[in-house]
Amino acid sequence: MRRERPLSVRQEAIMRLIRSWIIEHGEGPTIRQIGARVGLSSTSSVAYQLAQLEEWGLISRAGRDWSSCCLEPPRPPRRGLRSR
């Protein structure tokens, strides 16, 4: 499910961090690493933000750990055409 509204400032920061971390380290950051870099001290707050991004189809993860997360390629917008 893709989200129609724009991401919050914090969600944008998390997405940028994940993108740069994967480029630099070859895998996603941990919840604690994300929290330390975007200003969230609560790991549950970071997990909530990540779960939202995953639900909206912007990130996914291979396992249970968030360090296995990867960015999903953007999907083309859906057209209003229907087949008959």
C-alpha atoms as a PDB file:
ATOM      1  CA  MET A   1       0.000   0.000   0.000  1.00  0.00           C
ATOM      2  CA  ARG A   2       1.535   3.311  -1.060  1.00  0.00           C
ATOM      3  CA  ARG A   3       0.993   6.424   0.945  1.00  0.00           C
ATOM      4  CA  GLU A   4      -0.622   9.368  -0.824  1.00  0.00           C
ATOM      5  CA  ARG A   5       0.512  12.142   1.535  1.00  0.00           C
ATOM      6  CA  PRO A   6       4.120  13.272   1.756  1.00  0.00           C
ATOM      7  CA  LEU A   7       6.372  11.851   4.434  1.00  0.00           C
ATOM      8  CA  SER A   8       7.012  13.747   7.646  1.00  0.00           C
ATOM      9  CA  VAL A   9      10.342  15.480   8.181  1.00  0.00           C
ATOM     10  CA  ARG A  10      11.441  12.668  10.506  1.00  0.00           C
ATOM     11  CA  GLN A  11      10.403   9.965   8.030  1.00  0.00           C
ATOM     12  CA  GLU A  12      12.336  11.750   5.275  1.00  0.00           C
ATOM     13  CA  ALA A  13      15.381  11.867   7.571  1.00  0.00           C
ATOM     14  CA  ILE A  14      15.065   8.133   8.277  1.00  0.00           C
ATOM     15  CA  MET A  15      14.789   7.350   4.553  1.00  0.00           C
ATOM     16  CA  ARG A  16      17.883   9.459   3.774  1.00  0.00           C
ATOM     17  CA  LEU A  17      19.794   7.783   6.601  1.00  0.00           C
ATOM     18  CA  ILE A  18      18.855   4.281   5.453  1.00  0.00           C
ATOM     19  CA  ARG A  19      19.834   5.109   1.863  1.00  0.00           C
ATOM     20  CA  SER A  20      23.240   6.540   2.816  1.00  0.00           C
ATOM     21  CA  TRP A  21      23.931   3.818   5.412  1.00  0.00           C
ATOM     22  CA  ILE A  22      23.262   1.033   2.895  1.00  0.00           C
ATOM     23  CA  ILE A  23      25.559   2.719   0.365  1.00  0.00           C
ATOM     24  CA  GLU A  24      28.319   3.105   2.955  1.00  0.00           C
ATOM     25  CA  HIS A  25      27.989  -0.162   4.913  1.00  0.00           C
ATOM     26  CA  GLY A  26      26.189  -2.571   2.573  1.00  0.00           C
ATOM     27  CA  GLU A  27      23.321  -3.196   5.011  1.00  0.00           C
ATOM     28  CA  GLY A  28      20.710  -1.192   6.858  1.00  0.00           C
ATOM     29  CA  PRO A  29      21.331   0.545  10.192  1.00  0.00           C
ATOM     30  CA  THR A  30      20.050  -0.827  13.494  1.00  0.00           C
ATOM     31  CA  ILE A  31      17.172   0.798  15.349  1.00  0.00           C
ATOM     32  CA  ARG A  32      19.591   2.351  17.855  1.00  0.00           C
ATOM     33  CA  GLN A  33      21.793   3.735  15.075  1.00  0.00           C
ATOM     34  CA  ILE A  34      18.763   5.285  13.376  1.00  0.00           C
ATOM     35  CA  GLY A  35      17.497   6.782  16.631  1.00  0.00           C
ATOM     36  CA  ALA A  36      20.877   8.298  17.488  1.00  0.00           C
ATOM     37  CA  ARG A  37      21.144   9.969  14.093  1.00  0.00           C
ATOM     38  CA  VAL A  38      17.602  11.311  13.732  1.00  0.00           C
ATOM     39  CA  GLY A  39      17.114  12.409  17.331  1.00  0.00           C
ATOM     40  CA  LEU A  40      14.805   9.691  18.675  1.00  0.00           C
ATOM     41  CA  SER A  41      15.870   8.251  22.034  1.00  0.00           C
ATOM     42  CA  SER A  42      13.073   5.676  22.169  1.00  0.00           C
ATOM     43  CA  THR A  43      13.680   2.522  20.141  1.00  0.00           C
ATOM     44  CA  SER A  44       9.933   1.936  20.033  1.00  0.00           C
ATOM     45  CA  SER A  45       9.476   5.312  18.318  1.00  0.00           C
ATOM     46  CA  VAL A  46      12.034   4.335  15.689  1.00  0.00           C
ATOM     47  CA  ALA A  47      10.398   0.923  15.254  1.00  0.00           C
ATOM     48  CA  TYR A  48       7.016   2.622  14.784  1.00  0.00           C
ATOM     49  CA  GLN A  49       8.390   4.918  12.067  1.00  0.00           C
ATOM     50  CA  LEU A  50      10.071   1.977  10.319  1.00  0.00           C
ATOM     51  CA  ALA A  51       6.888  -0.098  10.500  1.00  0.00           C
ATOM     52  CA  GLN A  52       4.969   2.770   8.874  1.00  0.00           C
ATOM     53  CA  LEU A  53       7.521   3.044   6.073  1.00  0.00           C
ATOM     54  CA  GLU A  54       7.371  -0.732   5.585  1.00  0.00           C
ATOM     55  CA  GLU A  55       3.565  -0.726   5.533  1.00  0.00           C
ATOM     56  CA  TRP A  56       3.594   1.994   2.862  1.00  0.00           C
ATOM     57  CA  GLY A  57       5.941  -0.099   0.718  1.00  0.00           C
ATOM     58  CA  LEU A  58       8.928   2.262   0.937  1.00  0.00           C
ATOM     59  CA  ILE A  59      11.227  -0.187   2.721  1.00  0.00           C
ATOM     60  CA  SER A  60      11.263  -3.924   3.312  1.00  0.00           C
ATOM     61  CA  ARG A  61      13.370  -6.296   5.350  1.00  0.00           C
ATOM     62  CA  ALA A  62      14.590  -9.807   4.738  1.00  0.00           C
ATOM     63  CA  GLY A  63      14.515 -10.957   8.345  1.00  0.00           C
ATOM     64  CA  ARG A  64      13.293  -9.825  11.700  1.00  0.00           C
ATOM     65  CA  ASP A  65      16.100  -7.305  12.242  1.00  0.00           C
ATOM     66  CA  TRP A  66      15.790  -3.813  10.815  1.00  0.00           C
ATOM     67  CA  SER A  67      19.435  -3.971   9.789  1.00  0.00           C
ATOM     68  CA  SER A  68      18.250  -6.274   6.994  1.00  0.00           C
ATOM     69  CA  CYS A  69      16.029  -3.523   5.602  1.00  0.00           C
ATOM     70  CA  CYS A  70      16.346  -2.263   2.053  1.00  0.00           C
ATOM     71  CA  LEU A  71      14.699   0.490   0.064  1.00  0.00           C
ATOM     72  CA  GLU A  72      11.960  -0.483  -2.328  1.00  0.00           C
ATOM     73  CA  PRO A  73      12.078   0.968  -5.838  1.00  0.00           C
ATOM     74  CA  PRO A  74       9.316   3.488  -6.477  1.00  0.00           C
ATOM     75  CA  ARG A  75       6.315   2.070  -8.259  1.00  0.00           C
ATOM     76  CA  PRO A  76       4.851   3.954 -11.202  1.00  0.00           C
ATOM     77  CA  PRO A  77       1.654   5.835 -10.385  1.00  0.00           C
ATOM     78  CA  ARG A  78      -1.554   3.975 -11.076  1.00  0.00           C
ATOM     79  CA  ARG A  79      -3.520   5.216 -14.028  1.00  0.00           C
ATOM     80  CA  GLY A  80      -7.259   5.749 -13.902  1.00  0.00           C
ATOM     81  CA  LEU A  81      -7.844   3.341 -16.794  1.00  0.00           C
ATOM     82  CA  ARG A  82      -9.784   0.151 -16.243  1.00  0.00           C
ATOM     83  CA  SER A  83     -10.020  -2.843 -18.532  1.00  0.00           C
ATOM     84  CA  ARG A  84     -13.423  -4.015 -19.615  1.00  0.00           C
END
